[in-house]
Amino acid sequence: MARVCQITGKRTQVGNNVSHANNKTKRKFYPNLQKKRFFLESEGEWVTLRVSTSAIKTINKKGLEATLRDAHKKGTLSI
């Protein structure tokens, strides 16, 4: 499974490890993804999403349906 947030679209980024001698080697920065169940009130059922912790905070603040609506408008929704 790809390491991509289903709400925000955050994905793995690539960068460098830089040593004290300024040697550079490739490394990856992974998003902090969590598998979380949310209750979708309009459908009356639970949905399981793989979301970043920042997306969880947004859902807690705005609500699941509003967050899904905003993500759909931005085009980042991948469900």
N, C-alpha and C. Protein backbone atom coordinates (compact mmCIF):
# COMPACT_ATOMS: atom_id res chain seq x y z
N MET A 1 0.84 -1.18 0.00
CA MET A 1 0.00 0.00 0.00
C MET A 1 0.90 1.25 0.00
N ALA A 2 0.54 2.20 -0.84
CA ALA A 2 1.34 3.42 -0.94
C ALA A 2 1.19 4.25 0.33
N ARG A 3 2.26 4.97 0.67
CA ARG A 3 2.22 5.82 1.86
C ARG A 3 1.71 7.20 1.47
N VAL A 4 0.40 7.27 1.27
CA VAL A 4 -0.26 8.51 0.84
C VAL A 4 -1.49 8.72 1.71
N CYS A 5 -1.66 9.95 2.22
CA CYS A 5 -2.84 10.30 2.99
C CYS A 5 -4.04 10.38 2.05
N GLN A 6 -5.15 9.76 2.42
CA GLN A 6 -6.33 9.73 1.57
C GLN A 6 -7.08 11.05 1.57
N ILE A 7 -6.82 11.92 2.52
CA ILE A 7 -7.50 13.22 2.59
C ILE A 7 -6.64 14.33 2.02
N THR A 8 -5.43 14.49 2.53
CA THR A 8 -4.59 15.61 2.14
C THR A 8 -3.71 15.32 0.94
N GLY A 9 -3.49 14.04 0.64
CA GLY A 9 -2.61 13.68 -0.47
C GLY A 9 -1.14 13.75 -0.12
N LYS A 10 -0.82 13.93 1.17
CA LYS A 10 0.59 13.95 1.58
C LYS A 10 1.23 12.62 1.24
N ARG A 11 2.46 12.67 0.71
CA ARG A 11 3.15 11.46 0.31
C ARG A 11 4.61 11.54 0.71
N THR A 12 5.34 10.46 0.48
CA THR A 12 6.76 10.38 0.83
C THR A 12 7.53 11.44 0.06
N GLN A 13 8.43 12.15 0.76
CA GLN A 13 9.31 13.11 0.12
C GLN A 13 10.73 12.58 0.16
N VAL A 14 11.56 13.05 -0.77
CA VAL A 14 12.94 12.60 -0.87
C VAL A 14 13.86 13.75 -0.53
N GLY A 15 14.93 13.44 0.21
CA GLY A 15 15.91 14.46 0.57
C GLY A 15 17.27 13.81 0.76
N ASN A 16 18.13 14.50 1.47
CA ASN A 16 19.48 14.01 1.70
C ASN A 16 19.79 13.91 3.18
N ASN A 17 20.55 12.87 3.56
CA ASN A 17 21.25 12.85 4.82
C ASN A 17 22.55 13.60 4.59
N VAL A 18 22.89 14.53 5.44
CA VAL A 18 24.12 15.28 5.27
C VAL A 18 25.01 15.00 6.47
N SER A 19 26.19 14.45 6.18
CA SER A 19 27.11 14.09 7.25
C SER A 19 27.90 15.31 7.71
N HIS A 20 28.67 15.11 8.76
CA HIS A 20 29.52 16.19 9.28
C HIS A 20 30.54 16.61 8.23
N ALA A 21 30.96 15.66 7.38
CA ALA A 21 31.91 15.96 6.31
C ALA A 21 31.21 16.47 5.05
N ASN A 22 29.91 16.75 5.17
CA ASN A 22 29.08 17.28 4.09
C ASN A 22 28.87 16.28 2.95
N ASN A 23 28.98 14.97 3.28
CA ASN A 23 28.63 13.93 2.31
C ASN A 23 27.11 13.82 2.27
N LYS A 24 26.56 13.62 1.09
CA LYS A 24 25.11 13.56 0.95
C LYS A 24 24.69 12.20 0.43
N THR A 25 23.74 11.56 1.12
CA THR A 25 23.15 10.31 0.68
C THR A 25 21.64 10.47 0.71
N LYS A 26 20.97 9.83 -0.23
CA LYS A 26 19.52 9.95 -0.34
C LYS A 26 18.82 9.31 0.86
N ARG A 27 17.70 9.91 1.24
CA ARG A 27 16.85 9.37 2.29
C ARG A 27 15.42 9.74 1.99
N LYS A 28 14.49 9.17 2.74
CA LYS A 28 13.07 9.44 2.54
C LYS A 28 12.47 10.02 3.81
N PHE A 29 11.53 10.94 3.63
CA PHE A 29 10.75 11.50 4.73
C PHE A 29 9.33 10.97 4.57
N TYR A 30 8.90 10.13 5.51
CA TYR A 30 7.58 9.52 5.42
C TYR A 30 6.55 10.36 6.17
N PRO A 31 5.32 10.48 5.64
CA PRO A 31 4.27 11.18 6.38
C PRO A 31 3.82 10.32 7.56
N ASN A 32 3.33 10.97 8.59
CA ASN A 32 2.87 10.27 9.79
C ASN A 32 1.44 9.78 9.56
N LEU A 33 1.31 8.59 8.95
CA LEU A 33 0.01 8.05 8.59
C LEU A 33 -0.50 7.11 9.67
N GLN A 34 -1.80 7.18 9.89
CA GLN A 34 -2.48 6.33 10.85
C GLN A 34 -3.72 5.75 10.19
N LYS A 35 -4.04 4.52 10.55
CA LYS A 35 -5.28 3.90 10.08
C LYS A 35 -6.34 4.22 11.12
N LYS A 36 -7.40 4.91 10.71
CA LYS A 36 -8.38 5.43 11.67
C LYS A 36 -9.79 5.20 11.15
N ARG A 37 -10.68 4.82 12.06
CA ARG A 37 -12.09 4.64 11.72
C ARG A 37 -12.85 5.91 12.09
N PHE A 38 -13.71 6.36 11.17
CA PHE A 38 -14.55 7.52 11.39
C PHE A 38 -16.00 7.12 11.12
N PHE A 39 -16.93 7.75 11.87
CA PHE A 39 -18.34 7.48 11.66
C PHE A 39 -18.90 8.51 10.71
N LEU A 40 -19.41 8.06 9.58
CA LEU A 40 -20.01 8.92 8.58
C LEU A 40 -21.50 8.99 8.85
N GLU A 41 -21.94 10.14 9.41
CA GLU A 41 -23.32 10.25 9.88
C GLU A 41 -24.34 10.19 8.77
N SER A 42 -24.04 10.77 7.61
CA SER A 42 -25.01 10.78 6.52
C SER A 42 -25.31 9.37 6.01
N GLU A 43 -24.31 8.50 6.03
CA GLU A 43 -24.49 7.12 5.60
C GLU A 43 -24.86 6.20 6.75
N GLY A 44 -24.55 6.63 7.97
CA GLY A 44 -24.84 5.81 9.14
C GLY A 44 -23.91 4.62 9.27
N GLU A 45 -22.67 4.76 8.79
CA GLU A 45 -21.73 3.64 8.87
C GLU A 45 -20.33 4.14 9.15
N TRP A 46 -19.46 3.20 9.53
CA TRP A 46 -18.06 3.49 9.82
C TRP A 46 -17.24 3.35 8.55
N VAL A 47 -16.28 4.26 8.37
CA VAL A 47 -15.34 4.16 7.26
C VAL A 47 -13.93 4.17 7.83
N THR A 48 -13.05 3.35 7.27
CA THR A 48 -11.67 3.29 7.69
C THR A 48 -10.83 4.04 6.67
N LEU A 49 -10.05 5.02 7.16
CA LEU A 49 -9.21 5.83 6.29
C LEU A 49 -7.77 5.74 6.74
N ARG A 50 -6.84 5.88 5.81
CA ARG A 50 -5.41 5.98 6.13
C ARG A 50 -5.06 7.44 5.97
N VAL A 51 -4.97 8.15 7.10
CA VAL A 51 -4.83 9.60 7.06
C VAL A 51 -3.63 10.03 7.89
N SER A 52 -3.11 11.21 7.55
CA SER A 52 -2.01 11.79 8.33
C SER A 52 -2.57 12.37 9.62
N THR A 53 -1.71 12.58 10.58
CA THR A 53 -2.16 13.11 11.87
C THR A 53 -2.68 14.53 11.72
N SER A 54 -2.14 15.29 10.78
CA SER A 54 -2.67 16.64 10.55
C SER A 54 -4.09 16.57 9.99
N ALA A 55 -4.39 15.55 9.18
CA ALA A 55 -5.74 15.37 8.65
C ALA A 55 -6.70 14.96 9.77
N ILE A 56 -6.23 14.18 10.73
CA ILE A 56 -7.07 13.80 11.87
C ILE A 56 -7.45 15.03 12.67
N LYS A 57 -6.49 15.94 12.87
CA LYS A 57 -6.77 17.18 13.58
C LYS A 57 -7.80 18.03 12.82
N THR A 58 -7.68 18.07 11.50
CA THR A 58 -8.63 18.82 10.69
C THR A 58 -10.02 18.22 10.77
N ILE A 59 -10.11 16.89 10.73
CA ILE A 59 -11.40 16.21 10.83
C ILE A 59 -12.03 16.47 12.19
N ASN A 60 -11.23 16.45 13.26
CA ASN A 60 -11.75 16.73 14.60
C ASN A 60 -12.28 18.15 14.70
N LYS A 61 -11.65 19.08 13.99
CA LYS A 61 -12.04 20.48 14.06
C LYS A 61 -13.27 20.78 13.19
N LYS A 62 -13.25 20.34 11.93
CA LYS A 62 -14.28 20.71 10.97
C LYS A 62 -15.36 19.66 10.78
N GLY A 63 -15.07 18.42 11.13
CA GLY A 63 -16.00 17.33 10.88
C GLY A 63 -15.60 16.56 9.64
N LEU A 64 -15.99 15.30 9.58
CA LEU A 64 -15.56 14.42 8.50
C LEU A 64 -16.15 14.85 7.16
N GLU A 65 -17.44 15.14 7.13
CA GLU A 65 -18.09 15.44 5.85
C GLU A 65 -17.59 16.74 5.25
N ALA A 66 -17.37 17.75 6.08
CA ALA A 66 -16.85 19.03 5.58
C ALA A 66 -15.42 18.86 5.06
N THR A 67 -14.63 18.06 5.75
CA THR A 67 -13.25 17.81 5.32
C THR A 67 -13.23 17.04 4.00
N LEU A 68 -14.10 16.05 3.87
CA LEU A 68 -14.19 15.30 2.61
C LEU A 68 -14.63 16.20 1.47
N ARG A 69 -15.57 17.09 1.74
CA ARG A 69 -16.05 18.02 0.72
C ARG A 69 -14.92 18.94 0.26
N ASP A 70 -14.15 19.49 1.21
CA ASP A 70 -13.03 20.37 0.87
C ASP A 70 -11.95 19.63 0.09
N ALA A 71 -11.65 18.39 0.50
CA ALA A 71 -10.63 17.61 -0.19
C ALA A 71 -11.07 17.28 -1.61
N HIS A 72 -12.36 17.05 -1.79
CA HIS A 72 -12.88 16.75 -3.13
C HIS A 72 -12.75 17.98 -4.03
N LYS A 73 -13.01 19.16 -3.49
CA LYS A 73 -12.87 20.40 -4.26
C LYS A 73 -11.43 20.64 -4.68
N LYS A 74 -10.48 20.35 -3.76
CA LYS A 74 -9.06 20.55 -4.04
C LYS A 74 -8.51 19.48 -4.97
N GLY A 75 -9.19 18.34 -5.05
CA GLY A 75 -8.72 17.24 -5.89
C GLY A 75 -7.72 16.33 -5.21
N THR A 76 -7.62 16.39 -3.87
CA THR A 76 -6.67 15.54 -3.16
C THR A 76 -7.30 14.28 -2.61
N LEU A 77 -8.60 14.14 -2.73
CA LEU A 77 -9.31 13.01 -2.17
C LEU A 77 -8.98 11.75 -2.98
N SER A 78 -8.53 10.68 -2.30
CA SER A 78 -8.18 9.44 -2.99
C SER A 78 -8.83 8.24 -2.31
N ILE A 79 -10.14 8.24 -2.32
CA ILE A 79 -10.88 7.12 -1.68
C ILE A 79 -11.51 6.27 -2.76
